[in-house]
Amino acid sequence: RCRVSGAELLMRTLPDDGPTPVLLMNMCADEEGGRLFLYAGKGGSTSLHIYTVATREWVSEQVEGLDEIVNSSCFHYYDNRLMLFGGYPLNSPHLRIIDLHSMTAKQLDVSGPKNRYAMASTIVGPDVWMWGGYGKGVVHSDMWRFSFDTLSWTRVFKSERKERKTLPSARFYHSLVARPTFHGTELFSFGGWDNTTKFNEVHCLSPDTLDCTEILPQEGTPVPTKRHALWAVDSPCHRFLICYSGLDIEMEIDPTLWLWEYEARRWHAVRGPSIIKRHWYAASRVGQTVYFYGGRVEKKDYTHTPFWSITFQGTGWTPELHSTYSKAVRGAIETVLALATVQDGPLAAMPTEILFFLFEMIATHRPRE
């Protein structure tokens, strides 16, 4: 357990009675149903492994038509179906849809991106957004959107597109996460490499306008890294990106948990014995908890690491967080608080969560001076 900037992180080791942990397993989540799905990996099996968060139980299923052992694929859940695209080795079928009712897999012969692995991807509603990756000597920089509704691909950006809305440079083993906002959804990316350079920038893409911007930190900078995990977490008062354990410039495992604080635009480094360093692991999120499976603790150590999780808990609106805003924003928030304390006033019966929501709206629409 550790605290940083008004947030608390709780780390747990989970039961190890699941599948044999291997490297680079494909992992995704059914957030509403509270399920995790694990498939294949380097040295893994063709079974589909399903973990139920509520009961902490594993079930293994054989899926008819799913017999390729691949790793570093694009793997996502929607409406009791899984999509599996690409992965290493590259001679595997490009795109498969797994029906969880019938436990059958169907290969789709549709036009779309070239086969690849180590791409970054995330899901927004029925749409999977996928960027970059590596395949047959090519580091890709294009972005695609796959629809579970139409079972088709749409190219969002071409490779090497030279205009204002272009994506960052080509890369793989990077990350991409979606975060809901008051105005829609934002996609955030971090890290990766291009076979020569490792990156540590944060980029934000609007799926609606396709504008992509680099967000420069006011404080702190994580080491450039690849093969890390990145996820977005929110509480009524705090919004973070959390980046965990990957390979740094020297190809060493960075034993650091980095927290990107949206409002303050700064990175916080969390280090200590409770942070388990690893790489080549699988990770996926259910609610405010991210689950990790497999991977190595050292580059040349083939001992696989346990099943464990990190849970994010916000600790409320704090003076520290309040002080990061401009005078205008602080004044607006203090006005809301004053109205909330007036007996029989317009905000007197308003729940605390709604007040926090108003604070965040004010902070969002009245940026720092």
Protein backbone atom coordinates (compact mmCIF):
# COMPACT_ATOMS: atom_id res chain seq x y z
CA ARG A 1 0.00 0.00 0.00
CA CYS A 2 1.33 3.47 -0.85
CA ARG A 3 0.01 7.03 -1.13
CA VAL A 4 0.89 9.73 -3.63
CA SER A 5 -0.75 13.08 -4.40
CA GLY A 6 -4.08 12.30 -2.76
CA ALA A 7 -4.31 8.78 -4.20
CA GLU A 8 -3.78 5.39 -2.61
CA LEU A 9 -2.47 2.31 -4.41
CA LEU A 10 -3.17 -1.11 -2.92
CA MET A 11 -1.07 -4.01 -4.26
CA ARG A 12 -2.17 -7.63 -3.80
CA THR A 13 -0.82 -11.04 -4.69
CA LEU A 14 -3.67 -13.21 -6.00
CA PRO A 15 -4.26 -17.00 -6.01
CA ASP A 16 -1.78 -18.81 -8.26
CA ASP A 17 -4.04 -21.70 -9.27
CA GLY A 18 -4.58 -20.34 -12.80
CA PRO A 19 -2.81 -21.23 -16.05
CA THR A 20 0.94 -21.59 -16.15
CA PRO A 21 2.27 -18.02 -16.35
CA VAL A 22 4.37 -17.47 -19.46
CA LEU A 23 5.67 -14.46 -21.35
CA LEU A 24 3.68 -12.04 -23.50
CA MET A 25 0.26 -13.57 -22.91
CA ASN A 26 -2.74 -11.94 -24.60
CA MET A 27 -5.06 -10.48 -21.96
CA CYS A 28 -8.27 -8.43 -22.02
CA ALA A 29 -11.25 -7.76 -19.75
CA ASP A 30 -15.02 -7.78 -19.62
CA GLU A 31 -15.36 -4.82 -17.25
CA GLU A 32 -19.13 -5.06 -16.76
CA GLY A 33 -19.06 -8.80 -16.16
CA GLY A 34 -15.88 -8.71 -14.07
CA ARG A 35 -13.97 -11.26 -16.16
CA LEU A 36 -10.41 -11.52 -17.45
CA PHE A 37 -9.42 -13.49 -20.55
CA LEU A 38 -5.95 -14.95 -21.12
CA TYR A 39 -4.77 -16.67 -24.28
CA ALA A 40 -1.54 -18.25 -25.56
CA GLY A 41 1.68 -16.29 -25.03
CA LYS A 42 5.27 -17.36 -25.60
CA GLY A 43 5.26 -21.03 -24.68
CA GLY A 44 1.58 -20.98 -23.70
CA SER A 45 -1.29 -23.23 -24.76
CA THR A 46 -4.26 -22.90 -27.11
CA SER A 47 -6.74 -22.90 -24.21
CA LEU A 48 -8.74 -19.78 -23.39
CA HIS A 49 -8.43 -19.05 -19.67
CA ILE A 50 -11.20 -17.07 -17.95
CA TYR A 51 -10.88 -15.51 -14.48
CA THR A 52 -13.96 -14.28 -12.59
CA VAL A 53 -13.04 -11.40 -10.28
CA ALA A 54 -15.94 -11.86 -7.83
CA THR A 55 -15.25 -15.54 -7.11
CA ARG A 56 -11.48 -15.56 -7.82
CA GLU A 57 -11.94 -18.70 -9.90
CA TRP A 58 -10.28 -19.80 -13.14
CA VAL A 59 -11.90 -21.80 -15.93
CA SER A 60 -10.09 -23.10 -19.03
CA GLU A 61 -11.95 -23.65 -22.31
CA GLN A 62 -10.98 -25.15 -25.65
CA VAL A 63 -12.19 -22.93 -28.49
CA GLU A 64 -12.99 -24.69 -31.74
CA GLY A 65 -10.95 -23.15 -34.57
CA LEU A 66 -8.46 -21.44 -32.25
CA ASP A 67 -5.22 -23.38 -32.53
CA GLU A 68 -2.47 -20.78 -33.11
CA ILE A 69 -0.13 -19.91 -30.24
CA VAL A 70 0.56 -16.20 -30.69
CA ASN A 71 1.78 -13.39 -28.45
CA SER A 72 1.73 -9.58 -28.43
CA SER A 73 -1.58 -9.50 -30.31
CA CYS A 74 -4.46 -7.01 -30.43
CA PHE A 75 -6.97 -8.74 -28.11
CA HIS A 76 -10.26 -7.19 -26.91
CA TYR A 77 -13.70 -8.09 -25.53
CA TYR A 78 -17.12 -6.73 -26.51
CA ASP A 79 -20.64 -8.15 -26.20
CA ASN A 80 -19.58 -11.72 -25.33
CA ARG A 81 -17.11 -11.84 -28.20
CA LEU A 82 -13.34 -11.56 -28.43
CA MET A 83 -11.32 -10.21 -31.33
CA LEU A 84 -7.77 -11.43 -31.88
CA PHE A 85 -5.67 -9.68 -34.50
CA GLY A 86 -2.08 -10.34 -35.52
CA GLY A 87 0.58 -11.36 -33.07
CA TYR A 88 3.86 -13.21 -33.29
CA PRO A 89 4.61 -15.36 -35.28
CA LEU A 90 3.38 -13.36 -38.25
CA ASN A 91 2.26 -16.41 -40.23
CA SER A 92 -0.79 -16.69 -37.97
CA PRO A 93 -4.28 -15.77 -39.32
CA HIS A 94 -4.77 -12.00 -39.28
CA LEU A 95 -8.17 -11.54 -37.64
CA ARG A 96 -10.36 -13.92 -35.66
CA ILE A 97 -13.62 -13.43 -33.76
CA ILE A 98 -14.27 -15.75 -30.81
CA ASP A 99 -17.90 -16.36 -29.84
CA LEU A 100 -17.99 -17.02 -26.08
CA HIS A 101 -21.48 -18.57 -26.26
CA SER A 102 -20.48 -21.35 -28.66
CA MET A 103 -16.74 -21.28 -27.89
CA THR A 104 -15.90 -21.16 -31.60
CA ALA A 105 -13.46 -18.96 -33.49
CA LYS A 106 -14.00 -17.66 -37.01
CA GLN A 107 -11.32 -16.16 -39.23
CA LEU A 108 -12.51 -13.02 -41.04
CA ASP A 109 -11.23 -12.29 -44.52
CA VAL A 110 -11.68 -8.51 -44.56
CA SER A 111 -9.46 -5.70 -45.82
CA GLY A 112 -7.53 -3.94 -43.10
CA PRO A 113 -4.08 -3.36 -41.61
CA LYS A 114 -1.04 -5.45 -42.47
CA ASN A 115 -0.28 -8.26 -40.07
CA ARG A 116 1.88 -7.13 -37.15
CA TYR A 117 2.57 -7.56 -33.44
CA ALA A 118 3.46 -5.36 -30.43
CA MET A 119 0.89 -2.78 -31.52
CA ALA A 120 -0.88 -0.45 -29.04
CA SER A 121 -4.67 -0.73 -28.82
CA THR A 122 -7.66 0.19 -26.68
CA ILE A 123 -11.44 -0.13 -26.93
CA VAL A 124 -14.09 2.62 -26.89
CA GLY A 125 -17.62 1.21 -26.96
CA PRO A 126 -17.76 -1.27 -29.87
CA ASP A 127 -14.64 0.20 -31.54
CA VAL A 128 -11.06 -0.99 -31.13
CA TRP A 129 -8.44 1.67 -31.85
CA MET A 130 -5.05 0.27 -32.89
CA TRP A 131 -1.85 2.18 -33.57
CA GLY A 132 1.61 1.16 -34.79
CA GLY A 133 3.29 -2.19 -34.28
CA TYR A 134 6.01 -4.19 -36.00
CA GLY A 135 5.91 -6.66 -38.85
CA LYS A 136 8.35 -8.11 -41.39
CA GLY A 137 11.02 -5.50 -40.79
CA VAL A 138 8.60 -2.55 -40.81
CA VAL A 139 7.83 -0.33 -37.81
CA HIS A 140 4.31 0.95 -38.44
CA SER A 141 2.89 4.40 -37.65
CA ASP A 142 -0.65 4.01 -39.03
CA MET A 143 -3.84 3.94 -36.93
CA TRP A 144 -6.91 1.78 -37.56
CA ARG A 145 -10.35 1.37 -36.01
CA PHE A 146 -12.10 -2.01 -35.87
CA SER A 147 -15.86 -2.14 -35.31
CA PHE A 148 -17.43 -5.08 -33.46
CA ASP A 149 -20.77 -3.94 -34.91
CA THR A 150 -19.80 -4.16 -38.58
CA LEU A 151 -16.78 -6.51 -38.24
CA SER A 152 -14.77 -4.19 -40.46
CA TRP A 153 -11.66 -2.00 -40.32
CA THR A 154 -11.44 1.74 -41.03
CA ARG A 155 -8.08 3.40 -41.54
CA VAL A 156 -7.84 6.51 -39.36
CA PHE A 157 -4.33 7.60 -40.33
CA LYS A 158 -1.99 6.40 -43.04
CA SER A 159 1.68 5.80 -42.32
CA GLU A 160 3.93 8.84 -42.67
CA ARG A 161 1.01 11.23 -43.15
CA LYS A 162 2.45 14.74 -43.29
CA GLU A 163 -0.12 17.11 -41.86
CA ARG A 164 -1.13 18.78 -38.60
CA LYS A 165 -3.14 15.82 -37.39
CA THR A 166 -0.42 13.24 -37.90
CA LEU A 167 0.40 10.70 -35.23
CA PRO A 168 3.78 10.59 -33.50
CA SER A 169 6.61 8.68 -35.16
CA ALA A 170 6.40 4.95 -35.90
CA ARG A 171 6.90 2.69 -32.88
CA PHE A 172 5.98 -0.60 -31.23
CA TYR A 173 5.77 -2.06 -27.72
CA HIS A 174 4.09 1.23 -26.72
CA SER A 175 0.70 1.75 -25.02
CA LEU A 176 -2.68 3.32 -25.75
CA VAL A 177 -5.54 3.87 -23.28
CA ALA A 178 -8.98 5.48 -23.50
CA ARG A 179 -10.34 7.87 -20.91
CA PRO A 180 -13.89 9.29 -20.83
CA THR A 181 -14.22 13.07 -20.44
CA PHE A 182 -17.07 15.57 -20.21
CA HIS A 183 -16.78 16.10 -23.97
CA GLY A 184 -16.34 12.49 -25.18
CA THR A 185 -13.28 10.29 -25.04
CA GLU A 186 -9.55 10.94 -25.18
CA LEU A 187 -6.88 8.43 -26.19
CA PHE A 188 -3.51 8.65 -24.43
CA SER A 189 -0.30 6.98 -25.58
CA PHE A 190 3.09 6.59 -23.95
CA GLY A 191 6.52 5.12 -24.67
CA GLY A 192 7.56 2.43 -27.11
CA TRP A 193 10.55 2.26 -29.44
CA ASP A 194 11.44 2.11 -33.13
CA ASN A 195 14.39 -0.35 -33.00
CA THR A 196 16.70 2.59 -32.34
CA THR A 197 15.11 5.02 -29.87
CA LYS A 198 12.92 4.48 -26.83
CA PHE A 199 10.28 7.15 -26.13
CA ASN A 200 8.76 8.72 -23.03
CA GLU A 201 6.26 11.28 -24.36
CA VAL A 202 2.55 11.46 -23.54
CA HIS A 203 0.31 12.08 -26.56
CA CYS A 204 -3.42 12.80 -26.51
CA LEU A 205 -5.69 11.99 -29.47
CA SER A 206 -9.32 13.04 -29.86
CA PRO A 207 -11.29 10.30 -31.68
CA ASP A 208 -13.83 12.96 -32.72
CA THR A 209 -11.53 15.58 -34.25
CA LEU A 210 -8.47 13.33 -34.81
CA ASP A 211 -6.27 16.08 -33.36
CA CYS A 212 -3.15 14.62 -31.73
CA THR A 213 -1.01 16.68 -29.36
CA GLU A 214 1.98 16.02 -27.15
CA ILE A 215 1.39 16.91 -23.49
CA LEU A 216 4.52 18.37 -21.95
CA PRO A 217 5.00 17.71 -18.23
CA GLN A 218 5.46 20.57 -15.78
CA GLU A 219 7.36 18.31 -13.42
CA GLY A 220 9.05 14.91 -13.49
CA THR A 221 9.82 12.69 -16.46
CA PRO A 222 9.74 8.89 -16.52
CA VAL A 223 12.53 7.01 -18.20
CA PRO A 224 11.91 6.09 -21.85
CA THR A 225 10.49 2.60 -21.80
CA LYS A 226 8.91 -0.20 -23.81
CA ARG A 227 6.89 -3.32 -22.90
CA HIS A 228 5.24 -1.46 -20.02
CA ALA A 229 1.61 -1.20 -18.91
CA LEU A 230 -0.41 2.02 -19.03
CA TRP A 231 -3.93 2.61 -17.74
CA ALA A 232 -6.21 5.50 -16.81
CA VAL A 233 -7.95 5.76 -13.43
CA ASP A 234 -10.39 8.30 -12.04
CA SER A 235 -11.92 9.18 -8.71
CA PRO A 236 -14.28 12.08 -8.04
CA CYS A 237 -11.27 14.35 -7.55
CA HIS A 238 -8.26 12.75 -9.20
CA ARG A 239 -7.36 11.68 -12.71
CA PHE A 240 -4.20 9.72 -13.39
CA LEU A 241 -2.37 7.75 -16.00
CA ILE A 242 -0.38 4.99 -14.34
CA CYS A 243 2.66 3.54 -16.10
CA TYR A 244 4.24 0.40 -14.70
CA SER A 245 7.54 -1.43 -15.20
CA GLY A 246 9.10 -1.83 -18.62
CA LEU A 247 12.54 -1.94 -20.24
CA ASP A 248 14.55 1.31 -20.13
CA ILE A 249 17.26 2.69 -22.44
CA GLU A 250 19.87 0.27 -21.07
CA MET A 251 17.45 -2.65 -21.58
CA GLU A 252 17.15 -2.96 -17.81
CA ILE A 253 13.80 -3.35 -16.05
CA ASP A 254 12.67 -0.05 -14.55
CA PRO A 255 11.26 -0.94 -11.07
CA THR A 256 9.13 2.20 -10.91
CA LEU A 257 5.43 2.92 -10.89
CA TRP A 258 4.86 6.29 -12.55
CA LEU A 259 1.68 8.34 -12.03
CA TRP A 260 0.78 11.10 -14.48
CA GLU A 261 -1.46 13.69 -12.79
CA TYR A 262 -3.70 15.33 -15.40
CA GLU A 263 -4.50 18.60 -13.67
CA ALA A 264 -0.97 19.34 -12.44
CA ARG A 265 0.69 17.86 -15.56
CA ARG A 266 3.37 16.17 -13.55
CA TRP A 267 4.79 12.70 -13.05
CA HIS A 268 5.15 11.06 -9.63
CA ALA A 269 7.63 8.19 -9.17
CA VAL A 270 6.66 5.40 -6.76
CA ARG A 271 9.48 3.08 -5.74
CA GLY A 272 9.92 0.57 -2.96
CA PRO A 273 9.91 -3.11 -2.02
CA SER A 274 6.17 -3.38 -2.70
CA ILE A 275 6.69 -2.59 -6.39
CA ILE A 276 7.37 -5.88 -8.20
CA LYS A 277 9.55 -5.21 -11.21
CA ARG A 278 8.84 -7.30 -14.29
CA HIS A 279 8.52 -7.14 -18.05
CA TRP A 280 6.89 -9.16 -20.85
CA TYR A 281 3.80 -9.52 -18.68
CA ALA A 282 0.08 -9.28 -19.54
CA ALA A 283 -2.16 -6.63 -17.95
CA SER A 284 -5.81 -5.60 -18.07
CA ARG A 285 -8.20 -3.54 -15.97
CA VAL A 286 -11.56 -4.18 -14.30
CA GLY A 287 -12.93 -1.10 -12.55
CA GLN A 288 -10.19 0.62 -10.57
CA THR A 289 -8.03 -2.51 -10.41
CA VAL A 290 -5.38 -3.60 -12.92
CA TYR A 291 -4.43 -7.27 -13.02
CA PHE A 292 -1.01 -8.57 -14.07
CA TYR A 293 -0.08 -12.05 -15.20
CA GLY A 294 3.17 -13.73 -16.19
CA GLY A 295 6.36 -11.99 -17.26
CA ARG A 296 9.92 -12.01 -15.95
CA VAL A 297 11.56 -10.31 -13.01
CA GLU A 298 14.98 -10.21 -14.67
CA LYS A 299 16.06 -10.17 -18.30
CA LYS A 300 17.71 -13.58 -18.17
CA ASP A 301 15.62 -15.08 -15.39
CA TYR A 302 12.94 -17.35 -16.81
CA THR A 303 11.17 -17.67 -13.45
CA HIS A 304 7.64 -16.47 -14.12
CA THR A 305 6.08 -13.98 -11.73
CA PRO A 306 2.80 -14.43 -9.84
CA PHE A 307 -0.71 -13.18 -10.49
CA TRP A 308 -1.19 -9.86 -8.74
CA SER A 309 -3.08 -6.56 -8.91
CA ILE A 310 -2.92 -2.84 -8.19
CA THR A 311 -6.08 -1.08 -7.01
CA PHE A 312 -6.40 2.69 -7.24
CA GLN A 313 -8.34 4.58 -4.56
CA GLY A 314 -8.84 8.34 -4.56
CA THR A 315 -8.69 10.01 -1.16
CA GLY A 316 -10.87 13.07 -1.82
CA TRP A 317 -10.35 16.70 -2.66
CA THR A 318 -7.20 17.74 -0.82
CA PRO A 319 -5.54 21.09 -0.07
CA GLU A 320 -2.57 19.86 -2.10
CA LEU A 321 -4.75 19.28 -5.15
CA HIS A 322 -6.67 22.54 -4.60
CA SER A 323 -3.45 24.56 -4.51
CA THR A 324 -2.38 23.33 -7.96
CA TYR A 325 -5.16 25.35 -9.64
CA SER A 326 -5.10 29.00 -10.65
CA LYS A 327 -6.58 31.74 -8.47
CA ALA A 328 -9.69 31.93 -10.68
CA VAL A 329 -10.37 28.21 -10.40
CA ARG A 330 -9.77 28.20 -6.63
CA GLY A 331 -12.19 31.09 -6.25
CA ALA A 332 -14.90 29.29 -8.24
CA ILE A 333 -14.49 26.12 -6.17
CA GLU A 334 -14.62 28.09 -2.93
CA THR A 335 -17.89 29.69 -4.13
CA VAL A 336 -19.38 26.23 -4.69
CA LEU A 337 -18.27 25.16 -1.20
CA ALA A 338 -19.77 28.30 0.34
CA LEU A 339 -23.11 27.70 -1.37
CA ALA A 340 -23.06 24.10 -0.14
CA THR A 341 -22.79 25.23 3.48
CA VAL A 342 -25.76 27.65 3.34
CA GLN A 343 -28.71 26.10 5.16
CA ASP A 344 -31.62 25.50 2.76
CA GLY A 345 -29.41 26.89 0.00
CA PRO A 346 -29.37 25.60 -3.60
CA LEU A 347 -26.48 23.20 -2.96
CA ALA A 348 -27.17 22.27 0.66
CA ALA A 349 -28.46 18.75 -0.04
CA MET A 350 -26.06 17.99 -2.84
CA PRO A 351 -24.04 14.77 -2.36
CA THR A 352 -20.30 15.12 -1.95
CA GLU A 353 -19.70 13.18 -5.17
CA ILE A 354 -21.66 15.78 -7.14
CA LEU A 355 -19.67 18.59 -5.55
CA PHE A 356 -16.47 16.86 -6.62
CA PHE A 357 -17.94 16.56 -10.12
CA LEU A 358 -18.56 20.33 -10.14
CA PHE A 359 -14.98 20.94 -8.97
CA GLU A 360 -13.62 18.88 -11.84
CA MET A 361 -15.89 20.65 -14.35
CA ILE A 362 -14.65 24.01 -13.12
CA ALA A 363 -11.04 22.86 -13.34
CA THR A 364 -11.60 21.48 -16.84
CA HIS A 365 -13.23 24.61 -18.23
CA ARG A 366 -11.03 27.11 -16.39
CA PRO A 367 -7.45 26.00 -17.10
CA ARG A 368 -4.44 27.14 -15.12
CA GLU A 369 -3.18 30.65 -15.65
